[in-house]
Amino acid sequence: MNVEKYRDMLLALERTLAARAVHQRDTASEQRPDSPGDIGDASLADEAESETFTEAELATATLQDVRDALQRIEAGTYGQCEEDGEPIPQARLDAVPWARFCVRHQADLEDASGLRTPTL
């Protein structure tokens, strides 16, 4: 596996996500109107602010996952499933370079946490 390729991908993603998180937090703070408006204006501002903060939280969480993946590269454990130590398929790492688990163990984790909808 070409770990340098993934290191480069992760470093570029880290820069992008860090900038996005800062921008989204700044944007959320700026969405508060300085002048009093009616209740509808306040409601719309609250909704927009909440959505922007949620996006910032997601970017921050993904940023932490990317940084954790960079640490796994340094530790020599990148590309190994944290559940069983087996290799994570390259196709999965290409799609999700910060992946900690193989597809099977990721699905098990999502099932246990209720994040995944069961298939019929």
C-alpha atoms as a PDB file:
ATOM      1  CA  MET A   1       0.000   0.000   0.000  1.00  0.00           C
ATOM      2  CA  ASN A   2       1.253   3.469  -0.874  1.00  0.00           C
ATOM      3  CA  VAL A   3       0.952   5.141   2.532  1.00  0.00           C
ATOM      4  CA  GLU A   4       2.459   8.381   1.209  1.00  0.00           C
ATOM      5  CA  LYS A   5      -0.481   8.753  -1.180  1.00  0.00           C
ATOM      6  CA  TYR A   6      -2.869   8.551   1.771  1.00  0.00           C
ATOM      7  CA  ARG A   7      -0.728  10.875   3.894  1.00  0.00           C
ATOM      8  CA  ASP A   8      -0.878  13.493   1.122  1.00  0.00           C
ATOM      9  CA  MET A   9      -4.649  13.026   0.740  1.00  0.00           C
ATOM     10  CA  LEU A  10      -5.186  13.324   4.483  1.00  0.00           C
ATOM     11  CA  LEU A  11      -2.969  16.392   4.844  1.00  0.00           C
ATOM     12  CA  ALA A  12      -4.846  18.173   2.038  1.00  0.00           C
ATOM     13  CA  LEU A  13      -8.156  17.179   3.601  1.00  0.00           C
ATOM     14  CA  GLU A  14      -6.967  18.380   7.009  1.00  0.00           C
ATOM     15  CA  ARG A  15      -6.205  21.850   5.612  1.00  0.00           C
ATOM     16  CA  THR A  16      -9.570  22.028   3.847  1.00  0.00           C
ATOM     17  CA  LEU A  17     -11.596  20.871   6.848  1.00  0.00           C
ATOM     18  CA  ALA A  18      -9.765  23.158   9.280  1.00  0.00           C
ATOM     19  CA  ALA A  19     -10.465  26.169   7.071  1.00  0.00           C
ATOM     20  CA  ARG A  20     -14.099  25.094   6.587  1.00  0.00           C
ATOM     21  CA  ALA A  21     -14.695  24.649  10.313  1.00  0.00           C
ATOM     22  CA  VAL A  22     -13.350  28.124  11.080  1.00  0.00           C
ATOM     23  CA  HIS A  23     -15.371  29.676   8.252  1.00  0.00           C
ATOM     24  CA  GLN A  24     -18.595  27.966   9.342  1.00  0.00           C
ATOM     25  CA  ARG A  25     -18.199  29.052  12.953  1.00  0.00           C
ATOM     26  CA  ASP A  26     -17.561  32.619  11.839  1.00  0.00           C
ATOM     27  CA  THR A  27     -20.564  32.495   9.504  1.00  0.00           C
ATOM     28  CA  ALA A  28     -22.835  31.180  12.252  1.00  0.00           C
ATOM     29  CA  SER A  29     -21.791  33.998  14.550  1.00  0.00           C
ATOM     30  CA  GLU A  30     -22.429  36.591  11.820  1.00  0.00           C
ATOM     31  CA  GLN A  31     -25.970  35.364  11.161  1.00  0.00           C
ATOM     32  CA  ARG A  32     -27.342  37.073  14.253  1.00  0.00           C
ATOM     33  CA  PRO A  33     -29.009  40.320  13.195  1.00  0.00           C
ATOM     34  CA  ASP A  34     -27.785  43.446  14.969  1.00  0.00           C
ATOM     35  CA  SER A  35     -31.174  45.101  14.877  1.00  0.00           C
ATOM     36  CA  PRO A  36     -34.309  43.777  16.455  1.00  0.00           C
ATOM     37  CA  GLY A  37     -36.670  42.144  13.997  1.00  0.00           C
ATOM     38  CA  ASP A  38     -39.913  40.353  14.287  1.00  0.00           C
ATOM     39  CA  ILE A  39     -40.290  36.848  15.684  1.00  0.00           C
ATOM     40  CA  GLY A  40     -40.119  35.353  12.176  1.00  0.00           C
ATOM     41  CA  ASP A  41     -36.754  36.999  11.526  1.00  0.00           C
ATOM     42  CA  ALA A  42     -35.434  35.666  14.823  1.00  0.00           C
ATOM     43  CA  SER A  43     -36.723  32.170  14.053  1.00  0.00           C
ATOM     44  CA  LEU A  44     -35.066  32.125  10.631  1.00  0.00           C
ATOM     45  CA  ALA A  45     -31.816  33.405  12.115  1.00  0.00           C
ATOM     46  CA  ASP A  46     -31.927  30.713  14.819  1.00  0.00           C
ATOM     47  CA  GLU A  47     -32.521  27.987  12.248  1.00  0.00           C
ATOM     48  CA  ALA A  48     -29.708  29.184   9.972  1.00  0.00           C
ATOM     49  CA  GLU A  49     -27.332  29.518  12.920  1.00  0.00           C
ATOM     50  CA  SER A  50     -28.188  26.019  14.166  1.00  0.00           C
ATOM     51  CA  GLU A  51     -27.657  24.505  10.716  1.00  0.00           C
ATOM     52  CA  THR A  52     -24.310  26.233  10.315  1.00  0.00           C
ATOM     53  CA  PHE A  53     -23.133  25.098  13.764  1.00  0.00           C
ATOM     54  CA  THR A  54     -24.178  21.518  12.922  1.00  0.00           C
ATOM     55  CA  GLU A  55     -22.142  21.658   9.717  1.00  0.00           C
ATOM     56  CA  ALA A  56     -19.186  23.050  11.679  1.00  0.00           C
ATOM     57  CA  GLU A  57     -19.481  20.241  14.235  1.00  0.00           C
ATOM     58  CA  LEU A  58     -19.476  17.645  11.452  1.00  0.00           C
ATOM     59  CA  ALA A  59     -16.434  19.239   9.827  1.00  0.00           C
ATOM     60  CA  THR A  60     -14.673  19.315  13.209  1.00  0.00           C
ATOM     61  CA  ALA A  61     -15.489  15.642  13.890  1.00  0.00           C
ATOM     62  CA  THR A  62     -14.230  14.623  10.449  1.00  0.00           C
ATOM     63  CA  LEU A  63     -11.144  16.761  10.987  1.00  0.00           C
ATOM     64  CA  GLN A  64     -10.408  14.820  14.183  1.00  0.00           C
ATOM     65  CA  ASP A  65     -10.872  11.530  12.294  1.00  0.00           C
ATOM     66  CA  VAL A  66      -8.390  12.749   9.656  1.00  0.00           C
ATOM     67  CA  ARG A  67      -5.874  13.729  12.329  1.00  0.00           C
ATOM     68  CA  ASP A  68      -6.309  10.330  14.000  1.00  0.00           C
ATOM     69  CA  ALA A  69      -5.606   8.651  10.636  1.00  0.00           C
ATOM     70  CA  LEU A  70      -2.419  10.714  10.277  1.00  0.00           C
ATOM     71  CA  GLN A  71      -1.365   9.481  13.725  1.00  0.00           C
ATOM     72  CA  ARG A  72      -2.029   5.889  12.632  1.00  0.00           C
ATOM     73  CA  ILE A  73       0.260   6.470   9.653  1.00  0.00           C
ATOM     74  CA  GLU A  74       2.997   7.642  12.017  1.00  0.00           C
ATOM     75  CA  ALA A  75       2.378   4.647  14.309  1.00  0.00           C
ATOM     76  CA  GLY A  76       2.494   2.209  11.391  1.00  0.00           C
ATOM     77  CA  THR A  77      -1.069   0.975  11.922  1.00  0.00           C
ATOM     78  CA  TYR A  78      -2.791   2.861   9.117  1.00  0.00           C
ATOM     79  CA  GLY A  79      -4.989   0.659   6.950  1.00  0.00           C
ATOM     80  CA  GLN A  80      -5.574  -1.939   9.660  1.00  0.00           C
ATOM     81  CA  CYS A  81      -9.033  -2.534  11.099  1.00  0.00           C
ATOM     82  CA  GLU A  82      -9.046  -1.446  14.734  1.00  0.00           C
ATOM     83  CA  GLU A  83     -11.352  -4.337  15.585  1.00  0.00           C
ATOM     84  CA  ASP A  84      -9.373  -7.307  14.286  1.00  0.00           C
ATOM     85  CA  GLY A  85      -6.143  -5.878  12.829  1.00  0.00           C
ATOM     86  CA  GLU A  86      -6.934  -7.168   9.348  1.00  0.00           C
ATOM     87  CA  PRO A  87      -6.167  -4.925   6.362  1.00  0.00           C
ATOM     88  CA  ILE A  88      -8.824  -2.431   5.310  1.00  0.00           C
ATOM     89  CA  PRO A  89      -9.398  -2.836   1.550  1.00  0.00           C
ATOM     90  CA  GLN A  90      -7.735  -0.167  -0.554  1.00  0.00           C
ATOM     91  CA  ALA A  91     -11.062   0.699  -2.224  1.00  0.00           C
ATOM     92  CA  ARG A  92     -12.459   1.617   1.209  1.00  0.00           C
ATOM     93  CA  LEU A  93      -9.411   3.740   2.037  1.00  0.00           C
ATOM     94  CA  ASP A  94      -9.705   5.456  -1.342  1.00  0.00           C
ATOM     95  CA  ALA A  95     -13.323   6.350  -0.504  1.00  0.00           C
ATOM     96  CA  VAL A  96     -12.806   7.092   3.211  1.00  0.00           C
ATOM     97  CA  PRO A  97      -9.076   7.607   3.846  1.00  0.00           C
ATOM     98  CA  TRP A  98      -9.681   8.127   7.578  1.00  0.00           C
ATOM     99  CA  ALA A  99     -11.485   4.758   7.952  1.00  0.00           C
ATOM    100  CA  ARG A 100     -10.732   2.973  11.230  1.00  0.00           C
ATOM    101  CA  PHE A 101     -12.631  -0.218  10.491  1.00  0.00           C
ATOM    102  CA  CYS A 102     -13.220  -2.590   7.600  1.00  0.00           C
ATOM    103  CA  VAL A 103     -16.696  -2.498   6.066  1.00  0.00           C
ATOM    104  CA  ARG A 104     -17.965  -5.427   8.158  1.00  0.00           C
ATOM    105  CA  HIS A 105     -16.871  -3.987  11.484  1.00  0.00           C
ATOM    106  CA  GLN A 106     -18.077  -0.497  10.537  1.00  0.00           C
ATOM    107  CA  ALA A 107     -21.499  -1.979   9.752  1.00  0.00           C
ATOM    108  CA  ASP A 108     -21.494  -3.837  13.085  1.00  0.00           C
ATOM    109  CA  LEU A 109     -20.687  -0.596  14.880  1.00  0.00           C
ATOM    110  CA  GLU A 110     -23.462   1.278  13.070  1.00  0.00           C
ATOM    111  CA  ASP A 111     -25.951  -1.526  13.788  1.00  0.00           C
ATOM    112  CA  ALA A 112     -25.058  -1.505  17.495  1.00  0.00           C
ATOM    113  CA  SER A 113     -25.423   2.276  17.724  1.00  0.00           C
ATOM    114  CA  GLY A 114     -28.634   2.386  15.712  1.00  0.00           C
ATOM    115  CA  LEU A 115     -27.072   4.567  13.014  1.00  0.00           C
ATOM    116  CA  ARG A 116     -27.726   2.131  10.213  1.00  0.00           C
ATOM    117  CA  THR A 117     -31.158   1.278   8.871  1.00  0.00           C
ATOM    118  CA  PRO A 118     -31.647  -2.474   8.535  1.00  0.00           C
ATOM    119  CA  THR A 119     -32.136  -3.701   4.985  1.00  0.00           C
ATOM    120  CA  LEU A 120     -35.247  -5.696   4.108  1.00  0.00           C
END
